[in-house]
Amino acid sequence: GMKRKLAIVTAFMHDPEILVLDEPTSGLDPIMQERFIEFI
């Protein structure tokens, strides 16, 4: 779960215009899954 969070941070830290997400919430707990949906 920590590694998945780190991957999210480094994927989007440069504020890209296009996001390509492959099974993005794999390994996240339910609270962080909801947090990720909020982010999207």
PDB file of all heavy atoms in Angstrom:
ATOM      1  N   GLY A   1       0.814  -1.211   0.000  1.00  0.00           N
ATOM      2  CA  GLY A   1       0.000   0.000   0.000  1.00  0.00           C
ATOM      3  C   GLY A   1       0.849   1.262   0.000  1.00  0.00           C
ATOM      4  O   GLY A   1       0.540   2.236  -0.701  1.00  0.00           O
ATOM      5  N   MET A   2       1.943   1.262   0.790  1.00  0.00           N
ATOM      6  CA  MET A   2       2.846   2.417   0.818  1.00  0.00           C
ATOM      7  C   MET A   2       3.514   2.604  -0.542  1.00  0.00           C
ATOM      8  O   MET A   2       3.649   3.734  -1.037  1.00  0.00           O
ATOM      9  CB  MET A   2       3.892   2.204   1.900  1.00  0.00           C
ATOM     10  CG  MET A   2       3.362   2.272   3.308  1.00  0.00           C
ATOM     11  SD  MET A   2       3.121   3.971   3.864  1.00  0.00           S
ATOM     12  CE  MET A   2       4.814   4.473   4.163  1.00  0.00           C
ATOM     13  N   LYS A   3       3.918   1.514  -1.162  1.00  0.00           N
ATOM     14  CA  LYS A   3       4.551   1.611  -2.482  1.00  0.00           C
ATOM     15  C   LYS A   3       3.568   2.138  -3.524  1.00  0.00           C
ATOM     16  O   LYS A   3       3.941   2.906  -4.411  1.00  0.00           O
ATOM     17  CB  LYS A   3       5.087   0.244  -2.898  1.00  0.00           C
ATOM     18  CG  LYS A   3       6.314  -0.203  -2.120  1.00  0.00           C
ATOM     19  CD  LYS A   3       6.793  -1.572  -2.577  1.00  0.00           C
ATOM     20  CE  LYS A   3       8.045  -1.992  -1.827  1.00  0.00           C
ATOM     21  NZ  LYS A   3       8.510  -3.345  -2.209  1.00  0.00           N
ATOM     22  N   ARG A   4       2.304   1.721  -3.420  1.00  0.00           N
ATOM     23  CA  ARG A   4       1.306   2.211  -4.358  1.00  0.00           C
ATOM     24  C   ARG A   4       1.106   3.714  -4.187  1.00  0.00           C
ATOM     25  O   ARG A   4       1.003   4.455  -5.171  1.00  0.00           O
ATOM     26  CB  ARG A   4      -0.017   1.460  -4.148  1.00  0.00           C
ATOM     27  CG  ARG A   4      -1.170   1.919  -5.010  1.00  0.00           C
ATOM     28  CD  ARG A   4      -0.898   1.797  -6.491  1.00  0.00           C
ATOM     29  NE  ARG A   4      -0.640   0.439  -6.910  1.00  0.00           N
ATOM     30  CZ  ARG A   4      -0.403   0.075  -8.160  1.00  0.00           C
ATOM     31  NH1 ARG A   4      -0.383   0.992  -9.107  1.00  0.00           N
ATOM     32  NH2 ARG A   4      -0.157  -1.178  -8.464  1.00  0.00           N
ATOM     33  N   LYS A   5       1.060   4.190  -2.940  1.00  0.00           N
ATOM     34  CA  LYS A   5       0.951   5.625  -2.693  1.00  0.00           C
ATOM     35  C   LYS A   5       2.140   6.371  -3.281  1.00  0.00           C
ATOM     36  O   LYS A   5       1.982   7.444  -3.890  1.00  0.00           O
ATOM     37  CB  LYS A   5       0.853   5.907  -1.198  1.00  0.00           C
ATOM     38  CG  LYS A   5      -0.423   5.432  -0.538  1.00  0.00           C
ATOM     39  CD  LYS A   5      -0.366   5.788   0.945  1.00  0.00           C
ATOM     40  CE  LYS A   5      -1.534   5.241   1.714  1.00  0.00           C
ATOM     41  NZ  LYS A   5      -1.465   5.598   3.149  1.00  0.00           N
ATOM     42  N   LEU A   6       3.331   5.834  -3.100  1.00  0.00           N
ATOM     43  CA  LEU A   6       4.536   6.464  -3.640  1.00  0.00           C
ATOM     44  C   LEU A   6       4.483   6.501  -5.161  1.00  0.00           C
ATOM     45  O   LEU A   6       4.879   7.498  -5.785  1.00  0.00           O
ATOM     46  CB  LEU A   6       5.776   5.710  -3.166  1.00  0.00           C
ATOM     47  CG  LEU A   6       7.124   6.273  -3.629  1.00  0.00           C
ATOM     48  CD1 LEU A   6       7.315   7.704  -3.132  1.00  0.00           C
ATOM     49  CD2 LEU A   6       8.273   5.385  -3.136  1.00  0.00           C
ATOM     50  N   ALA A   7       3.977   5.444  -5.778  1.00  0.00           N
ATOM     51  CA  ALA A   7       3.841   5.410  -7.232  1.00  0.00           C
ATOM     52  C   ALA A   7       2.863   6.481  -7.700  1.00  0.00           C
ATOM     53  O   ALA A   7       3.076   7.131  -8.741  1.00  0.00           O
ATOM     54  CB  ALA A   7       3.378   4.028  -7.684  1.00  0.00           C
ATOM     55  N   ILE A   8       1.787   6.696  -6.949  1.00  0.00           N
ATOM     56  CA  ILE A   8       0.820   7.743  -7.295  1.00  0.00           C
ATOM     57  C   ILE A   8       1.486   9.112  -7.239  1.00  0.00           C
ATOM     58  O   ILE A   8       1.347   9.938  -8.153  1.00  0.00           O
ATOM     59  CB  ILE A   8      -0.396   7.680  -6.345  1.00  0.00           C
ATOM     60  CG1 ILE A   8      -1.212   6.408  -6.600  1.00  0.00           C
ATOM     61  CG2 ILE A   8      -1.277   8.917  -6.503  1.00  0.00           C
ATOM     62  CD1 ILE A   8      -2.290   6.150  -5.565  1.00  0.00           C
ATOM     63  N   VAL A   9       2.234   9.354  -6.167  1.00  0.00           N
ATOM     64  CA  VAL A   9       2.891  10.657  -6.009  1.00  0.00           C
ATOM     65  C   VAL A   9       3.860  10.924  -7.150  1.00  0.00           C
ATOM     66  O   VAL A   9       3.846  12.003  -7.762  1.00  0.00           O
ATOM     67  CB  VAL A   9       3.627  10.724  -4.653  1.00  0.00           C
ATOM     68  CG1 VAL A   9       4.498  11.979  -4.577  1.00  0.00           C
ATOM     69  CG2 VAL A   9       2.626  10.703  -3.501  1.00  0.00           C
ATOM     70  N   THR A  10       4.711   9.953  -7.475  1.00  0.00           N
ATOM     71  CA  THR A  10       5.730  10.183  -8.502  1.00  0.00           C
ATOM     72  C   THR A  10       5.139  10.195  -9.914  1.00  0.00           C
ATOM     73  O   THR A  10       5.718  10.798 -10.824  1.00  0.00           O
ATOM     74  CB  THR A  10       6.844   9.127  -8.412  1.00  0.00           C
ATOM     75  OG1 THR A  10       6.273   7.806  -8.431  1.00  0.00           O
ATOM     76  CG2 THR A  10       7.633   9.299  -7.121  1.00  0.00           C
ATOM     77  N   ALA A  11       3.986   9.560 -10.103  1.00  0.00           N
ATOM     78  CA  ALA A  11       3.346   9.581 -11.426  1.00  0.00           C
ATOM     79  C   ALA A  11       2.724  10.941 -11.725  1.00  0.00           C
ATOM     80  O   ALA A  11       2.688  11.370 -12.880  1.00  0.00           O
ATOM     81  CB  ALA A  11       2.288   8.487 -11.509  1.00  0.00           C
ATOM     82  N   PHE A  12       2.242  11.635 -10.677  1.00  0.00           N
ATOM     83  CA  PHE A  12       1.468  12.853 -10.893  1.00  0.00           C
ATOM     84  C   PHE A  12       2.129  14.108 -10.322  1.00  0.00           C
ATOM     85  O   PHE A  12       1.540  15.180 -10.348  1.00  0.00           O
ATOM     86  CB  PHE A  12       0.072  12.688 -10.287  1.00  0.00           C
ATOM     87  CG  PHE A  12      -0.633  11.440 -10.747  1.00  0.00           C
ATOM     88  CD1 PHE A  12      -1.312  10.631  -9.849  1.00  0.00           C
ATOM     89  CD2 PHE A  12      -0.599  11.066 -12.081  1.00  0.00           C
ATOM     90  CE1 PHE A  12      -1.953   9.482 -10.284  1.00  0.00           C
ATOM     91  CE2 PHE A  12      -1.236   9.917 -12.515  1.00  0.00           C
ATOM     92  CZ  PHE A  12      -1.911   9.126 -11.623  1.00  0.00           C
ATOM     93  N   MET A  13       3.358  13.977  -9.825  1.00  0.00           N
ATOM     94  CA  MET A  13       4.025  15.107  -9.185  1.00  0.00           C
ATOM     95  C   MET A  13       4.315  16.252 -10.156  1.00  0.00           C
ATOM     96  O   MET A  13       4.435  17.409  -9.747  1.00  0.00           O
ATOM     97  CB  MET A  13       5.324  14.626  -8.533  1.00  0.00           C
ATOM     98  CG  MET A  13       6.332  14.064  -9.505  1.00  0.00           C
ATOM     99  SD  MET A  13       7.706  13.195  -8.690  1.00  0.00           S
ATOM    100  CE  MET A  13       8.520  14.530  -7.843  1.00  0.00           C
ATOM    101  N   HIS A  14       4.410  15.954 -11.456  1.00  0.00           N
ATOM    102  CA  HIS A  14       4.698  16.997 -12.451  1.00  0.00           C
ATOM    103  C   HIS A  14       3.421  17.572 -13.063  1.00  0.00           C
ATOM    104  O   HIS A  14       3.482  18.313 -14.036  1.00  0.00           O
ATOM    105  CB  HIS A  14       5.613  16.445 -13.548  1.00  0.00           C
ATOM    106  CG  HIS A  14       5.074  15.240 -14.261  1.00  0.00           C
ATOM    107  ND1 HIS A  14       4.699  14.090 -13.603  1.00  0.00           N
ATOM    108  CD2 HIS A  14       4.839  15.006 -15.582  1.00  0.00           C
ATOM    109  CE1 HIS A  14       4.264  13.199 -14.484  1.00  0.00           C
ATOM    110  NE2 HIS A  14       4.328  13.727 -15.677  1.00  0.00           N
ATOM    111  N   ASP A  15       2.258  17.214 -12.485  1.00  0.00           N
ATOM    112  CA  ASP A  15       0.959  17.774 -12.875  1.00  0.00           C
ATOM    113  C   ASP A  15       0.692  17.591 -14.367  1.00  0.00           C
ATOM    114  O   ASP A  15       0.457  18.556 -15.099  1.00  0.00           O
ATOM    115  CB  ASP A  15       0.898  19.254 -12.507  1.00  0.00           C
ATOM    116  CG  ASP A  15      -0.541  19.768 -12.432  1.00  0.00           C
ATOM    117  OD1 ASP A  15      -1.470  18.939 -12.402  1.00  0.00           O
ATOM    118  OD2 ASP A  15      -0.722  20.999 -12.419  1.00  0.00           O
ATOM    119  N   PRO A  16       0.673  16.339 -14.849  1.00  0.00           N
ATOM    120  CA  PRO A  16       0.542  16.105 -16.287  1.00  0.00           C
ATOM    121  C   PRO A  16      -0.867  16.353 -16.796  1.00  0.00           C
ATOM    122  O   PRO A  16      -1.853  16.257 -16.054  1.00  0.00           O
ATOM    123  CB  PRO A  16       0.905  14.621 -16.415  1.00  0.00           C
ATOM    124  CG  PRO A  16       0.515  14.031 -15.094  1.00  0.00           C
ATOM    125  CD  PRO A  16       0.801  15.087 -14.075  1.00  0.00           C
ATOM    126  N   GLU A  17      -0.972  16.641 -18.101  1.00  0.00           N
ATOM    127  CA  GLU A  17      -2.257  16.855 -18.754  1.00  0.00           C
ATOM    128  C   GLU A  17      -2.973  15.536 -19.038  1.00  0.00           C
ATOM    129  O   GLU A  17      -4.194  15.495 -19.130  1.00  0.00           O
ATOM    130  CB  GLU A  17      -2.057  17.613 -20.064  1.00  0.00           C
ATOM    131  CG  GLU A  17      -1.579  19.046 -19.898  1.00  0.00           C
ATOM    132  CD  GLU A  17      -2.669  19.952 -19.351  1.00  0.00           C
ATOM    133  OE1 GLU A  17      -3.851  19.661 -19.582  1.00  0.00           O
ATOM    134  OE2 GLU A  17      -2.318  20.947 -18.691  1.00  0.00           O
ATOM    135  N   ILE A  18      -2.202  14.461 -19.221  1.00  0.00           N
ATOM    136  CA  ILE A  18      -2.758  13.148 -19.551  1.00  0.00           C
ATOM    137  C   ILE A  18      -2.334  12.154 -18.477  1.00  0.00           C
ATOM    138  O   ILE A  18      -1.147  12.082 -18.108  1.00  0.00           O
ATOM    139  CB  ILE A  18      -2.265  12.666 -20.927  1.00  0.00           C
ATOM    140  CG1 ILE A  18      -2.644  13.668 -22.017  1.00  0.00           C
ATOM    141  CG2 ILE A  18      -2.853  11.296 -21.253  1.00  0.00           C
ATOM    142  CD1 ILE A  18      -2.093  13.320 -23.381  1.00  0.00           C
ATOM    143  N   LEU A  19      -3.284  11.363 -17.977  1.00  0.00           N
ATOM    144  CA  LEU A  19      -3.019  10.341 -16.968  1.00  0.00           C
ATOM    145  C   LEU A  19      -3.378   8.981 -17.552  1.00  0.00           C
ATOM    146  O   LEU A  19      -4.480   8.799 -18.078  1.00  0.00           O
ATOM    147  CB  LEU A  19      -3.842  10.594 -15.709  1.00  0.00           C
ATOM    148  CG  LEU A  19      -3.809  12.016 -15.127  1.00  0.00           C
ATOM    149  CD1 LEU A  19      -4.740  12.109 -13.929  1.00  0.00           C
ATOM    150  CD2 LEU A  19      -2.401  12.401 -14.738  1.00  0.00           C
ATOM    151  N   VAL A  20      -2.461   8.036 -17.452  1.00  0.00           N
ATOM    152  CA  VAL A  20      -2.700   6.662 -17.893  1.00  0.00           C
ATOM    153  C   VAL A  20      -2.542   5.764 -16.670  1.00  0.00           C
ATOM    154  O   VAL A  20      -1.446   5.626 -16.122  1.00  0.00           O
ATOM    155  CB  VAL A  20      -1.725   6.244 -19.007  1.00  0.00           C
ATOM    156  CG1 VAL A  20      -1.953   4.791 -19.396  1.00  0.00           C
ATOM    157  CG2 VAL A  20      -1.896   7.151 -20.233  1.00  0.00           C
ATOM    158  N   LEU A  21      -3.640   5.146 -16.248  1.00  0.00           N
ATOM    159  CA  LEU A  21      -3.693   4.439 -14.978  1.00  0.00           C
ATOM    160  C   LEU A  21      -4.063   2.985 -15.200  1.00  0.00           C
ATOM    161  O   LEU A  21      -5.143   2.686 -15.710  1.00  0.00           O
ATOM    162  CB  LEU A  21      -4.733   5.099 -14.062  1.00  0.00           C
ATOM    163  CG  LEU A  21      -4.726   6.634 -14.016  1.00  0.00           C
ATOM    164  CD1 LEU A  21      -5.872   7.137 -13.152  1.00  0.00           C
ATOM    165  CD2 LEU A  21      -3.391   7.140 -13.507  1.00  0.00           C
ATOM    166  N   ASP A  22      -3.177   2.083 -14.806  1.00  0.00           N
ATOM    167  CA  ASP A  22      -3.386   0.650 -14.989  1.00  0.00           C
ATOM    168  C   ASP A  22      -3.600   0.005 -13.622  1.00  0.00           C
ATOM    169  O   ASP A  22      -2.652  -0.126 -12.843  1.00  0.00           O
ATOM    170  CB  ASP A  22      -2.176   0.039 -15.701  1.00  0.00           C
ATOM    171  CG  ASP A  22      -2.421  -1.392 -16.146  1.00  0.00           C
ATOM    172  OD1 ASP A  22      -3.555  -1.886 -15.978  1.00  0.00           O
ATOM    173  OD2 ASP A  22      -1.488  -2.023 -16.664  1.00  0.00           O
ATOM    174  N   GLU A  23      -4.842  -0.380 -13.337  1.00  0.00           N
ATOM    175  CA  GLU A  23      -5.205  -0.954 -12.028  1.00  0.00           C
ATOM    176  C   GLU A  23      -4.659  -0.067 -10.899  1.00  0.00           C
ATOM    177  O   GLU A  23      -3.896  -0.516 -10.039  1.00  0.00           O
ATOM    178  CB  GLU A  23      -4.674  -2.386 -11.890  1.00  0.00           C
ATOM    179  CG  GLU A  23      -5.127  -3.333 -12.976  1.00  0.00           C
ATOM    180  CD  GLU A  23      -6.613  -3.662 -12.909  1.00  0.00           C
ATOM    181  OE1 GLU A  23      -7.259  -3.290 -11.922  1.00  0.00           O
ATOM    182  OE2 GLU A  23      -7.116  -4.286 -13.849  1.00  0.00           O
ATOM    183  N   PRO A  24      -5.057   1.197 -10.851  1.00  0.00           N
ATOM    184  CA  PRO A  24      -4.394   2.165  -9.965  1.00  0.00           C
ATOM    185  C   PRO A  24      -4.585   1.935  -8.477  1.00  0.00           C
ATOM    186  O   PRO A  24      -3.747   2.346  -7.681  1.00  0.00           O
ATOM    187  CB  PRO A  24      -5.006   3.499 -10.388  1.00  0.00           C
ATOM    188  CG  PRO A  24      -6.331   3.142 -10.975  1.00  0.00           C
ATOM    189  CD  PRO A  24      -6.119   1.826 -11.659  1.00  0.00           C
ATOM    190  N   THR A  25      -5.690   1.302  -8.066  1.00  0.00           N
ATOM    191  CA  THR A  25      -5.944   1.158  -6.626  1.00  0.00           C
ATOM    192  C   THR A  25      -5.519  -0.205  -6.086  1.00  0.00           C
ATOM    193  O   THR A  25      -5.797  -0.516  -4.931  1.00  0.00           O
ATOM    194  CB  THR A  25      -7.434   1.388  -6.312  1.00  0.00           C
ATOM    195  OG1 THR A  25      -8.224   0.430  -7.018  1.00  0.00           O
ATOM    196  CG2 THR A  25      -7.864   2.781  -6.730  1.00  0.00           C
ATOM    197  N   SER A  26      -4.854  -1.008  -6.905  1.00  0.00           N
ATOM    198  CA  SER A  26      -4.377  -2.308  -6.431  1.00  0.00           C
ATOM    199  C   SER A  26      -3.427  -2.129  -5.256  1.00  0.00           C
ATOM    200  O   SER A  26      -2.428  -1.419  -5.343  1.00  0.00           O
ATOM    201  CB  SER A  26      -3.660  -3.026  -7.578  1.00  0.00           C
ATOM    202  OG  SER A  26      -3.079  -4.228  -7.133  1.00  0.00           O
ATOM    203  N   GLY A  27      -3.755  -2.758  -4.126  1.00  0.00           N
ATOM    204  CA  GLY A  27      -2.909  -2.663  -2.938  1.00  0.00           C
ATOM    205  C   GLY A  27      -3.318  -1.576  -1.970  1.00  0.00           C
ATOM    206  O   GLY A  27      -2.799  -1.530  -0.856  1.00  0.00           O
ATOM    207  N   LEU A  28      -4.239  -0.696  -2.368  1.00  0.00           N
ATOM    208  CA  LEU A  28      -4.704   0.351  -1.461  1.00  0.00           C
ATOM    209  C   LEU A  28      -5.847  -0.165  -0.588  1.00  0.00           C
ATOM    210  O   LEU A  28      -6.659  -0.970  -1.038  1.00  0.00           O
ATOM    211  CB  LEU A  28      -5.198   1.569  -2.246  1.00  0.00           C
ATOM    212  CG  LEU A  28      -4.170   2.355  -3.063  1.00  0.00           C
ATOM    213  CD1 LEU A  28      -4.859   3.521  -3.763  1.00  0.00           C
ATOM    214  CD2 LEU A  28      -3.029   2.853  -2.191  1.00  0.00           C
ATOM    215  N   ASP A  29      -5.905   0.320   0.645  1.00  0.00           N
ATOM    216  CA  ASP A  29      -7.030  -0.051   1.505  1.00  0.00           C
ATOM    217  C   ASP A  29      -8.271   0.719   1.060  1.00  0.00           C
ATOM    218  O   ASP A  29      -8.187   1.662   0.266  1.00  0.00           O
ATOM    219  CB  ASP A  29      -6.693   0.204   2.980  1.00  0.00           C
ATOM    220  CG  ASP A  29      -6.435   1.669   3.298  1.00  0.00           C
ATOM    221  OD1 ASP A  29      -7.181   2.538   2.788  1.00  0.00           O
ATOM    222  OD2 ASP A  29      -5.484   1.961   4.040  1.00  0.00           O
ATOM    223  N   PRO A  30      -9.460   0.324   1.537  1.00  0.00           N
ATOM    224  CA  PRO A  30     -10.703   0.960   1.071  1.00  0.00           C
ATOM    225  C   PRO A  30     -10.735   2.471   1.249  1.00  0.00           C
ATOM    226  O   PRO A  30     -11.289   3.179   0.403  1.00  0.00           O
ATOM    227  CB  PRO A  30     -11.780   0.268   1.910  1.00  0.00           C
ATOM    228  CG  PRO A  30     -11.207  -1.083   2.215  1.00  0.00           C
ATOM    229  CD  PRO A  30      -9.741  -0.846   2.397  1.00  0.00           C
ATOM    230  N   ILE A  31     -10.163   2.981   2.338  1.00  0.00           N
ATOM    231  CA  ILE A  31     -10.166   4.430   2.552  1.00  0.00           C
ATOM    232  C   ILE A  31      -9.346   5.127   1.482  1.00  0.00           C
ATOM    233  O   ILE A  31      -9.757   6.139   0.905  1.00  0.00           O
ATOM    234  CB  ILE A  31      -9.631   4.762   3.956  1.00  0.00           C
ATOM    235  CG1 ILE A  31     -10.600   4.250   5.028  1.00  0.00           C
ATOM    236  CG2 ILE A  31      -9.420   6.275   4.102  1.00  0.00           C
ATOM    237  CD1 ILE A  31     -10.096   4.416   6.442  1.00  0.00           C
ATOM    238  N   MET A  32      -8.161   4.584   1.181  1.00  0.00           N
ATOM    239  CA  MET A  32      -7.309   5.184   0.164  1.00  0.00           C
ATOM    240  C   MET A  32      -7.877   4.974  -1.245  1.00  0.00           C
ATOM    241  O   MET A  32      -7.653   5.796  -2.132  1.00  0.00           O
ATOM    242  CB  MET A  32      -5.901   4.617   0.251  1.00  0.00           C
ATOM    243  CG  MET A  32      -5.104   5.131   1.431  1.00  0.00           C
ATOM    244  SD  MET A  32      -4.867   6.931   1.375  1.00  0.00           S
ATOM    245  CE  MET A  32      -5.718   7.428   2.879  1.00  0.00           C
ATOM    246  N   GLN A  33      -8.618   3.904  -1.457  1.00  0.00           N
ATOM    247  CA  GLN A  33      -9.295   3.729  -2.742  1.00  0.00           C
ATOM    248  C   GLN A  33     -10.293   4.858  -2.967  1.00  0.00           C
ATOM    249  O   GLN A  33     -10.372   5.423  -4.068  1.00  0.00           O
ATOM    250  CB  GLN A  33      -9.997   2.369  -2.790  1.00  0.00           C
ATOM    251  CG  GLN A  33      -9.049   1.189  -2.922  1.00  0.00           C
ATOM    252  CD  GLN A  33      -9.778  -0.142  -2.920  1.00  0.00           C
ATOM    253  OE1 GLN A  33     -10.998  -0.208  -2.858  1.00  0.00           O
ATOM    254  NE2 GLN A  33      -9.030  -1.230  -2.984  1.00  0.00           N
ATOM    255  N   GLU A  34     -11.060   5.185  -1.928  1.00  0.00           N
ATOM    256  CA  GLU A  34     -12.006   6.301  -2.032  1.00  0.00           C
ATOM    257  C   GLU A  34     -11.270   7.626  -2.215  1.00  0.00           C
ATOM    258  O   GLU A  34     -11.707   8.490  -2.978  1.00  0.00           O
ATOM    259  CB  GLU A  34     -12.888   6.356  -0.777  1.00  0.00           C
ATOM    260  CG  GLU A  34     -13.933   5.263  -0.704  1.00  0.00           C
ATOM    261  CD  GLU A  34     -14.909   5.332  -1.863  1.00  0.00           C
ATOM    262  OE1 GLU A  34     -15.352   6.443  -2.204  1.00  0.00           O
ATOM    263  OE2 GLU A  34     -15.222   4.277  -2.438  1.00  0.00           O
ATOM    264  N   ARG A  35     -10.145   7.776  -1.534  1.00  0.00           N
ATOM    265  CA  ARG A  35      -9.341   8.988  -1.681  1.00  0.00           C
ATOM    266  C   ARG A  35      -8.833   9.130  -3.122  1.00  0.00           C
ATOM    267  O   ARG A  35      -8.786  10.227  -3.673  1.00  0.00           O
ATOM    268  CB  ARG A  35      -8.171   8.930  -0.706  1.00  0.00           C
ATOM    269  CG  ARG A  35      -7.426  10.235  -0.481  1.00  0.00           C
ATOM    270  CD  ARG A  35      -8.209  11.216   0.370  1.00  0.00           C
ATOM    271  NE  ARG A  35      -8.641  10.649   1.633  1.00  0.00           N
ATOM    272  CZ  ARG A  35      -7.880  10.620   2.749  1.00  0.00           C
ATOM    273  NH1 ARG A  35      -6.660  11.110   2.732  1.00  0.00           N
ATOM    274  NH2 ARG A  35      -8.363  10.132   3.863  1.00  0.00           N
ATOM    275  N   PHE A  36      -8.479   8.003  -3.721  1.00  0.00           N
ATOM    276  CA  PHE A  36      -7.992   8.032  -5.100  1.00  0.00           C
ATOM    277  C   PHE A  36      -9.126   8.419  -6.060  1.00  0.00           C
ATOM    278  O   PHE A  36      -8.903   9.181  -7.009  1.00  0.00           O
ATOM    279  CB  PHE A  36      -7.401   6.682  -5.495  1.00  0.00           C
ATOM    280  CG  PHE A  36      -6.742   6.696  -6.846  1.00  0.00           C
ATOM    281  CD1 PHE A  36      -5.450   7.160  -6.987  1.00  0.00           C
ATOM    282  CD2 PHE A  36      -7.419   6.252  -7.974  1.00  0.00           C
ATOM    283  CE1 PHE A  36      -4.840   7.205  -8.229  1.00  0.00           C
ATOM    284  CE2 PHE A  36      -6.825   6.284  -9.214  1.00  0.00           C
ATOM    285  CZ  PHE A  36      -5.525   6.761  -9.344  1.00  0.00           C
ATOM    286  N   ILE A  37     -10.316   7.888  -5.838  1.00  0.00           N
ATOM    287  CA  ILE A  37     -11.457   8.267  -6.668  1.00  0.00           C
ATOM    288  C   ILE A  37     -11.710   9.772  -6.558  1.00  0.00           C
ATOM    289  O   ILE A  37     -11.974  10.451  -7.560  1.00  0.00           O
ATOM    290  CB  ILE A  37     -12.700   7.458  -6.273  1.00  0.00           C
ATOM    291  CG1 ILE A  37     -12.534   5.992  -6.710  1.00  0.00           C
ATOM    292  CG2 ILE A  37     -13.968   8.050  -6.890  1.00  0.00           C
ATOM    293  CD1 ILE A  37     -13.632   5.072  -6.227  1.00  0.00           C
ATOM    294  N   GLU A  38     -11.611  10.322  -5.346  1.00  0.00           N
ATOM    295  CA  GLU A  38     -11.749  11.765  -5.159  1.00  0.00           C
ATOM    296  C   GLU A  38     -10.715  12.510  -5.990  1.00  0.00           C
ATOM    297  O   GLU A  38     -11.018  13.532  -6.625  1.00  0.00           O
ATOM    298  CB  GLU A  38     -11.565  12.128  -3.682  1.00  0.00           C
ATOM    299  CG  GLU A  38     -12.687  11.684  -2.761  1.00  0.00           C
ATOM    300  CD  GLU A  38     -12.355  11.984  -1.313  1.00  0.00           C
ATOM    301  OE1 GLU A  38     -11.318  12.662  -1.069  1.00  0.00           O
ATOM    302  OE2 GLU A  38     -13.105  11.542  -0.425  1.00  0.00           O
ATOM    303  N   PHE A  39      -9.486  12.019  -5.985  1.00  0.00           N
ATOM    304  CA  PHE A  39      -8.412  12.656  -6.736  1.00  0.00           C
ATOM    305  C   PHE A  39      -8.702  12.644  -8.236  1.00  0.00           C
ATOM    306  O   PHE A  39      -8.522  13.661  -8.924  1.00  0.00           O
ATOM    307  CB  PHE A  39      -7.093  11.923  -6.444  1.00  0.00           C
ATOM    308  CG  PHE A  39      -5.958  12.339  -7.338  1.00  0.00           C
ATOM    309  CD1 PHE A  39      -5.453  13.632  -7.301  1.00  0.00           C
ATOM    310  CD2 PHE A  39      -5.386  11.434  -8.215  1.00  0.00           C
ATOM    311  CE1 PHE A  39      -4.405  14.015  -8.126  1.00  0.00           C
ATOM    312  CE2 PHE A  39      -4.344  11.811  -9.043  1.00  0.00           C
ATOM    313  CZ  PHE A  39      -3.852  13.100  -9.001  1.00  0.00           C
ATOM    314  N   ILE A  40      -9.186  11.514  -8.749  1.00  0.00           N
ATOM    315  CA  ILE A  40      -9.507  11.420 -10.178  1.00  0.00           C
ATOM    316  C   ILE A  40     -10.614  12.407 -10.534  1.00  0.00           C
ATOM    317  O   ILE A  40     -10.561  13.080 -11.574  1.00  0.00           O
ATOM    318  CB  ILE A  40      -9.918   9.982 -10.549  1.00  0.00           C
ATOM    319  CG1 ILE A  40      -8.734   9.035 -10.380  1.00  0.00           C
ATOM    320  CG2 ILE A  40     -10.443   9.923 -11.981  1.00  0.00           C
ATOM    321  CD1 ILE A  40      -7.513   9.419 -11.183  1.00  0.00           C
TER     322      ILE A  40
END
